[in-house]
Structure formats: structure tokens, C-alpha cells
N, C-alpha and C. Protein backbone atom coordinates (compact mmCIF):
# COMPACT_ATOMS: atom_id res chain seq x y z
N MET A 1 85.25 33.02 -11.74
CA MET A 1 84.75 33.01 -10.57
C MET A 1 86.34 32.75 -9.70
N ILE A 2 85.60 33.10 -8.14
CA ILE A 2 86.74 32.49 -7.26
C ILE A 2 86.04 30.84 -6.50
N SER A 3 87.37 30.19 -6.60
CA SER A 3 87.06 28.32 -6.36
C SER A 3 86.99 28.18 -4.49
N LYS A 4 86.33 27.74 -4.49
CA LYS A 4 86.03 27.60 -2.12
C LYS A 4 87.32 26.76 -2.26
N ASP A 5 88.50 26.18 -3.19
CA ASP A 5 89.36 25.50 -2.05
C ASP A 5 90.49 27.03 -2.19
N THR A 6 90.36 27.81 -3.09
CA THR A 6 91.38 28.53 -2.38
C THR A 6 90.56 30.04 -1.35
N VAL A 7 89.31 29.78 -1.04
CA VAL A 7 89.20 30.94 0.15
C VAL A 7 89.68 29.83 1.22
N TYR A 8 89.20 28.01 1.40
CA TYR A 8 89.68 27.66 2.15
C TYR A 8 91.26 27.53 2.52
N LYS A 9 92.02 27.37 1.41
CA LYS A 9 93.14 26.94 1.79
C LYS A 9 93.59 28.31 2.49
N LEU A 10 93.25 29.47 2.04
CA LEU A 10 93.39 30.98 2.96
C LEU A 10 93.17 30.94 4.09
N LEU A 11 91.72 30.43 5.04
CA LEU A 11 91.12 30.06 5.88
C LEU A 11 91.81 29.25 6.88
N GLU A 12 92.21 27.87 6.33
CA GLU A 12 93.08 26.99 6.78
C GLU A 12 94.28 27.80 7.76
N GLU A 13 94.77 28.18 7.13
CA GLU A 13 96.38 29.27 7.97
C GLU A 13 95.28 30.29 9.20
N LYS A 14 94.34 30.24 9.61
CA LYS A 14 93.96 31.34 10.11
C LYS A 14 93.05 29.83 11.06
N LEU A 15 92.68 29.26 10.84
CA LEU A 15 91.44 28.48 11.41
C LEU A 15 92.49 28.16 12.99
N VAL A 16 92.50 27.80 13.64
CA VAL A 16 94.12 27.60 14.77
C VAL A 16 93.25 27.68 16.30
N GLY A 17 93.52 26.36 16.69
CA GLY A 17 93.03 26.29 18.24
C GLY A 17 91.25 25.27 18.27
N ASP A 18 90.85 25.79 18.73
CA ASP A 18 89.59 25.29 18.82
C ASP A 18 88.23 26.27 17.42
N LEU A 19 89.05 27.40 17.20
CA LEU A 19 88.36 27.63 16.13
C LEU A 19 87.65 26.23 14.71
N PHE A 20 86.78 26.54 14.66
CA PHE A 20 86.43 25.63 12.77
C PHE A 20 85.47 26.68 11.93
N LEU A 21 85.11 25.81 10.88
CA LEU A 21 84.65 26.40 9.75
C LEU A 21 83.07 25.80 9.51
N VAL A 22 82.12 26.38 10.18
CA VAL A 22 81.42 25.97 9.47
C VAL A 22 80.60 25.82 8.21
N ASP A 23 80.76 26.84 7.63
CA ASP A 23 79.82 26.72 6.28
C ASP A 23 80.82 28.27 5.63
N LEU A 24 81.11 27.53 4.47
CA LEU A 24 81.77 28.86 3.36
C LEU A 24 81.06 28.36 1.78
N THR A 25 80.51 29.93 1.46
CA THR A 25 79.49 29.46 0.56
C THR A 25 80.17 30.54 -0.90
N ILE A 26 80.30 30.63 -1.40
CA ILE A 26 80.61 31.73 -2.77
C ILE A 26 79.61 31.44 -4.23
N SER A 27 79.05 32.72 -3.79
CA SER A 27 78.24 32.77 -5.49
C SER A 27 78.76 32.93 -6.65
N SER A 28 77.96 32.65 -7.28
CA SER A 28 78.59 32.85 -9.26
C SER A 28 78.88 34.39 -9.34
N SER A 29 78.32 35.24 -8.59
CA SER A 29 78.75 36.67 -9.08
C SER A 29 79.73 37.10 -7.71
N ASN A 30 80.40 36.06 -7.00
CA ASN A 30 81.65 36.46 -5.81
C ASN A 30 81.16 36.61 -4.78
N VAL A 31 80.05 36.04 -4.58
CA VAL A 31 79.87 36.79 -2.99
C VAL A 31 80.45 35.73 -2.00
N ILE A 32 81.67 35.75 -1.06
CA ILE A 32 81.97 34.37 -0.37
C ILE A 32 81.47 35.16 1.20
N THR A 33 80.80 33.91 1.46
CA THR A 33 80.27 34.04 3.13
C THR A 33 81.23 32.99 4.01
N VAL A 34 81.61 33.36 5.13
CA VAL A 34 82.27 32.80 5.48
C VAL A 34 81.40 32.45 6.74
N VAL A 35 81.50 31.26 7.78
CA VAL A 35 80.62 31.60 9.26
C VAL A 35 81.59 30.85 9.85
N VAL A 36 82.36 30.80 10.95
CA VAL A 36 82.51 30.29 11.49
C VAL A 36 82.48 29.49 12.81
N ASP A 37 82.62 29.01 14.03
CA ASP A 37 82.54 29.11 15.71
C ASP A 37 83.54 28.34 15.78
N SER A 38 83.33 28.23 16.85
CA SER A 38 84.55 28.03 18.23
C SER A 38 83.91 27.27 19.32
N ASP A 39 84.61 26.33 20.25
CA ASP A 39 84.32 25.51 21.43
C ASP A 39 83.93 26.28 22.13
N THR A 40 84.71 27.61 22.37
CA THR A 40 84.28 28.42 23.72
C THR A 40 83.59 29.52 22.84
N SER A 41 84.31 30.50 22.20
CA SER A 41 83.86 31.57 21.93
C SER A 41 84.66 32.53 19.75
N VAL A 42 83.55 33.35 19.70
CA VAL A 42 84.48 33.66 18.84
C VAL A 42 83.53 35.23 18.81
N ASN A 43 85.03 36.41 18.91
CA ASN A 43 85.05 37.65 18.79
C ASN A 43 84.89 37.85 17.58
N VAL A 44 85.27 39.67 17.98
CA VAL A 44 84.82 40.46 15.90
C VAL A 44 86.31 40.09 16.57
N ASP A 45 87.17 40.18 16.77
CA ASP A 45 88.66 40.72 16.11
C ASP A 45 89.12 39.07 15.70
N THR A 46 88.78 38.75 15.88
CA THR A 46 88.56 36.93 14.84
C THR A 46 88.30 36.56 13.59
N CYS A 47 87.16 37.75 13.92
CA CYS A 47 86.52 37.30 12.53
C CYS A 47 87.08 38.47 11.63
N ILE A 48 87.67 39.58 12.09
CA ILE A 48 88.08 40.63 11.75
C ILE A 48 89.70 40.12 10.65
N GLU A 49 90.38 39.16 11.65
CA GLU A 49 90.99 38.51 11.42
C GLU A 49 91.36 37.45 10.49
N LEU A 50 90.58 36.72 10.67
CA LEU A 50 90.19 35.92 8.86
C LEU A 50 89.62 36.87 8.18
N SER A 51 88.76 37.41 7.91
CA SER A 51 88.54 38.76 6.42
C SER A 51 89.84 39.11 6.32
N ARG A 52 90.89 39.63 6.60
CA ARG A 52 92.26 40.40 6.42
C ARG A 52 92.60 39.12 5.95
N GLN A 53 92.43 38.12 6.21
CA GLN A 53 93.30 37.08 5.53
C GLN A 53 92.79 36.91 4.23
N VAL A 54 91.72 36.43 4.19
CA VAL A 54 91.29 36.34 2.78
C VAL A 54 91.38 37.59 1.68
N GLU A 55 90.90 38.37 2.44
CA GLU A 55 91.11 40.23 2.01
C GLU A 55 92.62 40.64 0.95
N HIS A 56 93.47 40.18 1.60
CA HIS A 56 94.94 40.75 1.51
C HIS A 56 95.32 39.68 0.49
N ASN A 57 94.56 38.71 0.62
CA ASN A 57 95.80 37.79 -0.57
C ASN A 57 94.75 37.21 -1.76
N LEU A 58 93.27 37.85 -1.84
CA LEU A 58 92.51 37.52 -3.22
C LEU A 58 93.09 38.67 -4.18
N ASP A 59 92.97 38.64 -5.50
CA ASP A 59 93.00 40.12 -6.17
C ASP A 59 92.19 40.64 -6.33
N ARG A 60 91.82 41.72 -5.96
CA ARG A 60 90.31 42.14 -6.21
C ARG A 60 90.67 43.27 -8.30
N GLU A 61 92.16 43.03 -8.72
CA GLU A 61 91.91 43.30 -9.94
C GLU A 61 91.71 42.65 -10.88
N SER A 62 91.87 41.46 -10.49
CA SER A 62 91.82 40.20 -11.47
C SER A 62 90.21 39.99 -11.03
N GLU A 63 89.17 39.95 -9.91
CA GLU A 63 88.24 39.59 -10.02
C GLU A 63 87.84 40.20 -8.55
N ASP A 64 86.44 40.58 -9.21
CA ASP A 64 86.06 41.54 -7.59
C ASP A 64 84.98 40.09 -6.73
N PHE A 65 85.11 40.96 -5.39
CA PHE A 65 84.27 40.00 -5.35
C PHE A 65 83.89 40.95 -3.67
N GLU A 66 82.55 39.92 -2.95
CA GLU A 66 82.44 40.54 -1.33
C GLU A 66 82.46 39.50 -1.09
N LEU A 67 83.08 40.09 0.13
CA LEU A 67 83.19 39.20 1.04
C LEU A 67 82.28 40.00 2.88
N THR A 68 81.87 38.15 3.12
CA THR A 68 81.10 38.45 4.57
C THR A 68 81.89 37.46 5.58
N VAL A 69 82.09 37.77 6.74
CA VAL A 69 82.65 36.51 7.81
C VAL A 69 81.87 37.19 8.70
N TYR A 70 81.31 35.82 9.63
CA TYR A 70 80.65 36.00 11.08
C TYR A 70 80.87 34.97 11.47
N SER A 71 79.99 34.91 12.73
CA SER A 71 80.20 33.56 13.71
C SER A 71 78.64 32.88 13.54
N ALA A 72 78.94 31.68 13.57
CA ALA A 72 77.78 31.05 14.14
C ALA A 72 77.12 31.84 15.06
N GLY A 73 76.17 32.41 14.97
CA GLY A 73 75.31 32.91 16.62
C GLY A 73 74.19 31.80 17.36
N VAL A 74 73.48 32.52 17.72
CA VAL A 74 72.56 31.57 19.01
C VAL A 74 71.70 30.47 18.09
N GLY A 75 70.98 32.26 17.37
CA GLY A 75 70.17 32.22 16.25
C GLY A 75 70.47 31.27 15.32
N GLU A 76 71.47 31.07 14.66
CA GLU A 76 71.69 30.10 13.71
C GLU A 76 71.33 28.75 13.80
N PRO A 77 71.37 27.55 12.90
CA PRO A 77 70.92 26.43 13.29
C PRO A 77 72.15 25.72 13.03
N LEU A 78 71.87 24.90 14.07
CA LEU A 78 73.24 24.24 14.26
C LEU A 78 73.76 22.75 13.16
N GLN A 79 74.66 23.00 12.43
CA GLN A 79 75.66 22.21 11.48
C GLN A 79 76.31 21.45 11.28
N LEU A 80 76.88 21.42 12.44
CA LEU A 80 78.52 20.27 12.44
C LEU A 80 78.01 19.66 13.99
N PRO A 81 78.33 18.24 13.99
CA PRO A 81 77.92 17.54 15.23
C PRO A 81 79.23 18.37 16.30
N ARG A 82 80.41 18.90 16.18
CA ARG A 82 80.87 19.91 16.88
C ARG A 82 80.45 20.66 17.82
N GLN A 83 79.47 21.04 16.93
CA GLN A 83 78.49 22.67 17.36
C GLN A 83 77.25 21.86 18.30
N TYR A 84 76.25 20.94 18.14
CA TYR A 84 75.56 19.59 19.00
C TYR A 84 76.72 19.86 20.30
N ASN A 85 77.63 19.47 20.33
CA ASN A 85 78.93 19.25 21.98
C ASN A 85 78.89 19.93 22.61
N LYS A 86 78.76 21.23 22.03
CA LYS A 86 79.38 22.87 22.11
C LYS A 86 78.54 22.98 23.45
N ASN A 87 76.42 22.71 22.65
CA ASN A 87 76.02 23.01 22.95
C ASN A 87 75.11 22.13 24.26
N LEU A 88 76.02 20.89 25.01
CA LEU A 88 75.60 19.91 25.65
C LEU A 88 74.76 20.52 27.16
N GLY A 89 73.79 19.74 27.60
CA GLY A 89 72.86 20.78 28.28
C GLY A 89 72.12 21.80 28.19
N ARG A 90 71.88 22.67 26.71
CA ARG A 90 71.56 23.74 26.70
C ARG A 90 69.62 23.19 25.72
N ASP A 91 68.84 24.16 25.92
CA ASP A 91 67.87 23.56 25.30
C ASP A 91 67.50 23.72 23.80
N LEU A 92 66.99 22.86 22.83
CA LEU A 92 67.12 22.69 21.17
C LEU A 92 65.97 22.61 21.00
N ASP A 93 65.41 23.54 19.82
CA ASP A 93 64.53 23.40 19.30
C ASP A 93 64.61 22.82 17.97
N VAL A 94 64.05 21.50 17.92
CA VAL A 94 64.74 20.62 16.91
C VAL A 94 63.25 20.98 16.03
N VAL A 95 63.40 20.38 14.38
CA VAL A 95 62.52 20.29 13.79
C VAL A 95 62.71 19.42 12.49
N THR A 96 62.32 18.01 12.60
CA THR A 96 62.54 16.99 11.77
C THR A 96 62.14 17.09 10.35
N SER A 97 63.28 16.21 9.28
CA SER A 97 62.56 16.80 7.80
C SER A 97 61.30 16.02 7.38
N GLN A 98 60.96 15.55 8.90
CA GLN A 98 58.94 14.84 8.40
C GLN A 98 58.24 16.48 8.77
N GLY A 99 58.92 17.43 9.59
CA GLY A 99 57.39 18.69 9.98
C GLY A 99 57.42 17.86 11.45
N GLU A 100 58.03 17.48 12.56
CA GLU A 100 57.78 17.36 13.68
C GLU A 100 58.52 17.93 14.73
N LYS A 101 57.95 18.62 14.90
CA LYS A 101 58.44 19.72 16.24
C LYS A 101 58.64 19.33 17.68
N TYR A 102 59.93 19.36 18.06
CA TYR A 102 60.45 18.97 19.65
C TYR A 102 61.63 19.68 20.31
N ILE A 103 60.56 20.47 21.59
CA ILE A 103 61.74 21.20 22.34
C ILE A 103 62.41 20.45 23.50
N GLY A 104 63.56 20.47 23.36
CA GLY A 104 64.12 20.15 25.09
C GLY A 104 65.87 20.04 25.04
N VAL A 105 66.09 19.28 26.34
CA VAL A 105 67.37 19.55 26.36
C VAL A 105 68.44 18.73 25.90
N LEU A 106 69.32 18.69 25.28
CA LEU A 106 70.15 18.17 24.55
C LEU A 106 71.26 17.55 25.47
N LYS A 107 71.12 15.88 25.76
CA LYS A 107 71.97 15.16 26.48
C LYS A 107 73.25 14.49 25.90
N GLU A 108 72.81 13.80 24.72
CA GLU A 108 74.02 12.92 24.22
C GLU A 108 74.46 13.79 22.61
N ALA A 109 75.08 14.13 22.77
CA ALA A 109 75.95 13.78 20.76
C ALA A 109 77.14 13.15 20.31
N ASP A 110 76.88 12.40 19.06
CA ASP A 110 78.45 12.18 18.75
C ASP A 110 78.42 12.00 16.80
N GLN A 111 78.99 11.68 16.23
CA GLN A 111 79.68 11.98 14.70
C GLN A 111 77.94 11.51 14.12
N ASP A 112 77.42 10.86 14.71
CA ASP A 112 76.60 10.45 14.04
C ASP A 112 74.18 11.07 14.23
N LYS A 113 74.54 11.23 15.01
CA LYS A 113 73.22 11.34 16.26
C LYS A 113 73.63 11.92 17.18
N PHE A 114 72.28 12.82 17.75
CA PHE A 114 72.26 13.26 19.05
C PHE A 114 70.85 12.84 19.89
N VAL A 115 71.34 13.12 21.02
CA VAL A 115 69.95 12.65 21.72
C VAL A 115 69.43 13.78 22.22
N ILE A 116 67.89 14.23 22.75
CA ILE A 116 67.17 15.31 23.69
C ILE A 116 66.37 14.63 24.40
N GLU A 117 66.30 15.58 25.58
CA GLU A 117 65.34 14.76 26.50
C GLU A 117 63.87 15.67 26.63
N VAL A 118 63.04 15.27 26.31
CA VAL A 118 61.65 16.39 26.67
C VAL A 118 60.78 15.91 27.16
N SER A 119 60.81 16.88 27.86
CA SER A 119 59.71 17.14 29.21
C SER A 119 58.20 17.84 28.99
N LYS A 120 57.39 17.11 28.99
CA LYS A 120 55.68 18.03 29.30
C LYS A 120 54.73 17.30 30.30
N LYS A 121 53.97 18.36 30.56
CA LYS A 121 52.97 17.22 31.19
C LYS A 121 51.53 16.88 30.51
N GLU A 122 51.48 15.62 30.95
CA GLU A 122 50.11 14.96 30.51
C GLU A 122 49.45 14.07 31.77
N ARG A 123 48.13 14.20 30.72
CA ARG A 123 47.49 13.55 31.93
C ARG A 123 47.97 12.07 31.95
N VAL A 124 47.87 11.40 33.18
CA VAL A 124 48.29 10.14 33.91
C VAL A 124 46.99 9.12 34.54
N GLU A 125 46.55 7.78 33.58
CA GLU A 125 45.62 7.09 33.90
C GLU A 125 45.28 7.20 35.53
N GLY A 126 44.41 7.90 36.77
CA GLY A 126 44.39 7.03 37.77
C GLY A 126 44.85 8.75 38.80
N LYS A 127 45.54 9.47 37.67
CA LYS A 127 45.60 10.85 38.49
C LYS A 127 44.96 12.12 38.16
N LYS A 128 44.47 12.58 39.10
CA LYS A 128 43.90 13.90 38.92
C LYS A 128 43.98 14.76 37.99
N LYS A 129 45.80 15.59 38.08
CA LYS A 129 46.90 16.45 38.00
C LYS A 129 47.75 15.89 36.99
N LYS A 130 48.07 16.81 36.21
CA LYS A 130 48.77 16.14 34.85
C LYS A 130 49.98 16.45 35.47
N VAL A 131 50.65 15.07 34.76
CA VAL A 131 52.18 14.91 35.31
C VAL A 131 53.45 15.55 34.48
N VAL A 132 54.45 15.52 34.92
CA VAL A 132 55.69 15.67 33.76
C VAL A 132 55.75 14.49 33.56
N VAL A 133 56.18 14.42 32.62
CA VAL A 133 56.37 12.81 31.68
C VAL A 133 57.52 13.09 30.87
N THR A 134 58.76 13.00 31.01
CA THR A 134 60.65 13.57 30.33
C THR A 134 60.43 11.75 29.75
N THR A 135 60.53 12.24 27.97
CA THR A 135 60.90 11.08 27.50
C THR A 135 62.39 11.47 26.60
N GLU A 136 62.98 10.57 26.17
CA GLU A 136 64.60 10.78 25.38
C GLU A 136 64.19 10.46 24.00
N HIS A 137 64.61 11.52 23.00
CA HIS A 137 64.75 10.84 21.87
C HIS A 137 65.74 11.26 21.18
N THR A 138 66.19 9.92 19.96
CA THR A 138 67.42 10.07 19.33
C THR A 138 66.91 10.63 18.00
N PHE A 139 67.90 11.30 17.38
CA PHE A 139 67.83 12.11 16.29
C PHE A 139 69.08 11.39 15.30
N PRO A 140 68.82 10.86 14.35
CA PRO A 140 70.15 10.73 13.12
C PRO A 140 70.97 12.67 12.62
N TYR A 141 71.61 13.23 12.40
CA TYR A 141 71.45 14.45 12.14
C TYR A 141 70.66 14.66 10.57
N ALA A 142 71.18 13.10 9.64
CA ALA A 142 70.24 13.20 8.23
C ALA A 142 68.82 13.60 8.42
N ASP A 143 68.62 13.27 9.36
CA ASP A 143 66.57 13.28 9.48
C ASP A 143 66.50 14.71 10.35
N ILE A 144 67.35 16.05 10.58
CA ILE A 144 67.01 16.73 10.59
C ILE A 144 67.00 18.13 9.88
N LYS A 145 65.33 18.75 9.85
CA LYS A 145 65.54 20.15 8.98
C LYS A 145 66.21 21.09 9.91
N THR A 146 65.87 21.49 10.72
CA THR A 146 67.09 22.52 11.61
C THR A 146 66.90 22.44 12.78
N ALA A 147 68.02 22.45 13.80
CA ALA A 147 68.09 22.42 15.06
C ALA A 147 68.69 23.63 15.37
N LYS A 148 68.20 24.24 16.81
CA LYS A 148 68.53 25.60 17.07
C LYS A 148 68.33 25.90 18.49
N VAL A 149 69.72 26.31 18.94
CA VAL A 149 69.56 26.45 20.51
C VAL A 149 68.67 27.62 21.36
N VAL A 150 67.55 27.17 21.90
CA VAL A 150 66.46 27.89 22.68
C VAL A 150 67.47 28.83 23.85
N VAL A 151 66.76 30.54 23.25
CA VAL A 151 67.30 31.47 24.05
C VAL A 151 66.44 31.94 25.52
N SER A 152 67.11 31.86 26.46
CA SER A 152 66.20 31.26 27.69
C SER A 152 66.86 33.06 28.32
N PHE A 153 66.09 33.80 28.87
CA PHE A 153 65.95 34.85 29.80
C PHE A 153 65.33 34.72 31.40
N LYS A 154 65.40 33.28 31.59
CA LYS A 154 65.13 32.98 33.23
C LYS A 154 65.58 33.79 34.30
């Protein structure tokens, strides 16, 4: 079986600038999956370059493998604090490990936690119409099941 350390060392040479590794998995049948992201953007050429780096430095004659390299897309859950920082100001769909769901604007993110601002209409005593109430929620990363960027076509 191909080791993660071997593949990581091969990738490390090409992870330059604002490009970073989000996830690296290798199954028992040598199916290698590499997910990368960037503070700006990841294009197809970058994925091809990373794929070639691994492909050309592993010997298929000694161990056969399958390799997939792709960028963390908008529909992918955020996994690293760096990804949260990249998406400040965007709407997030957050599901906690307790199953609670929140949708709000990502306001802050650091190495331990992030903050979203949730706005919703609620009935306030003394008012006939519902009023928009805004609350901030702070979540430690350990308490999050999934957090995805909400795609809006407004």
C-alpha cells in the first residue's frame, strides 16, 4: 500500500504560494484522493500539475494505483480554518454535531472558532409586523458536523 507520507512529500513540492492541501486519502486498494484549495482560486492546470507530480513519481509497476486530484468546490464542506477565512462575508449553511441548523453571514474566523450572523423575522411584543432580528453565533470547529458556502444567484 502506498503511504500518505510518500504522497504528501510529493505534493509538498508543488504546494506553493497560497495553494494548500485540504484532504489526502488513500484507500486499502490504493485509490488516492487529493483535495486542494487556495486563498484565491484553483484552476484545472494546477490540478493537472499536482496529478502529474504524483503520477510521475510513483511506480505503477511495483504498486498500481488510482489518482484523483480536485479543488474544494463551493458545494464541498469547509474543513480547515483557512477555508473559513477565505469565505468571510459569504453566507454559510452550518449544521452542528447536535443537528442544529443555522444559515448566516460568516463574520469572523480564527484557528479555534468562527462567528456567523443570523438574521430572521420574528414577532416582537408590541409590534404588529414581524421584525428582522440579528444574532451572532460562535461555533468551535469541533462542534461542527458540516459548514458549506451557500451559493446565491441574486
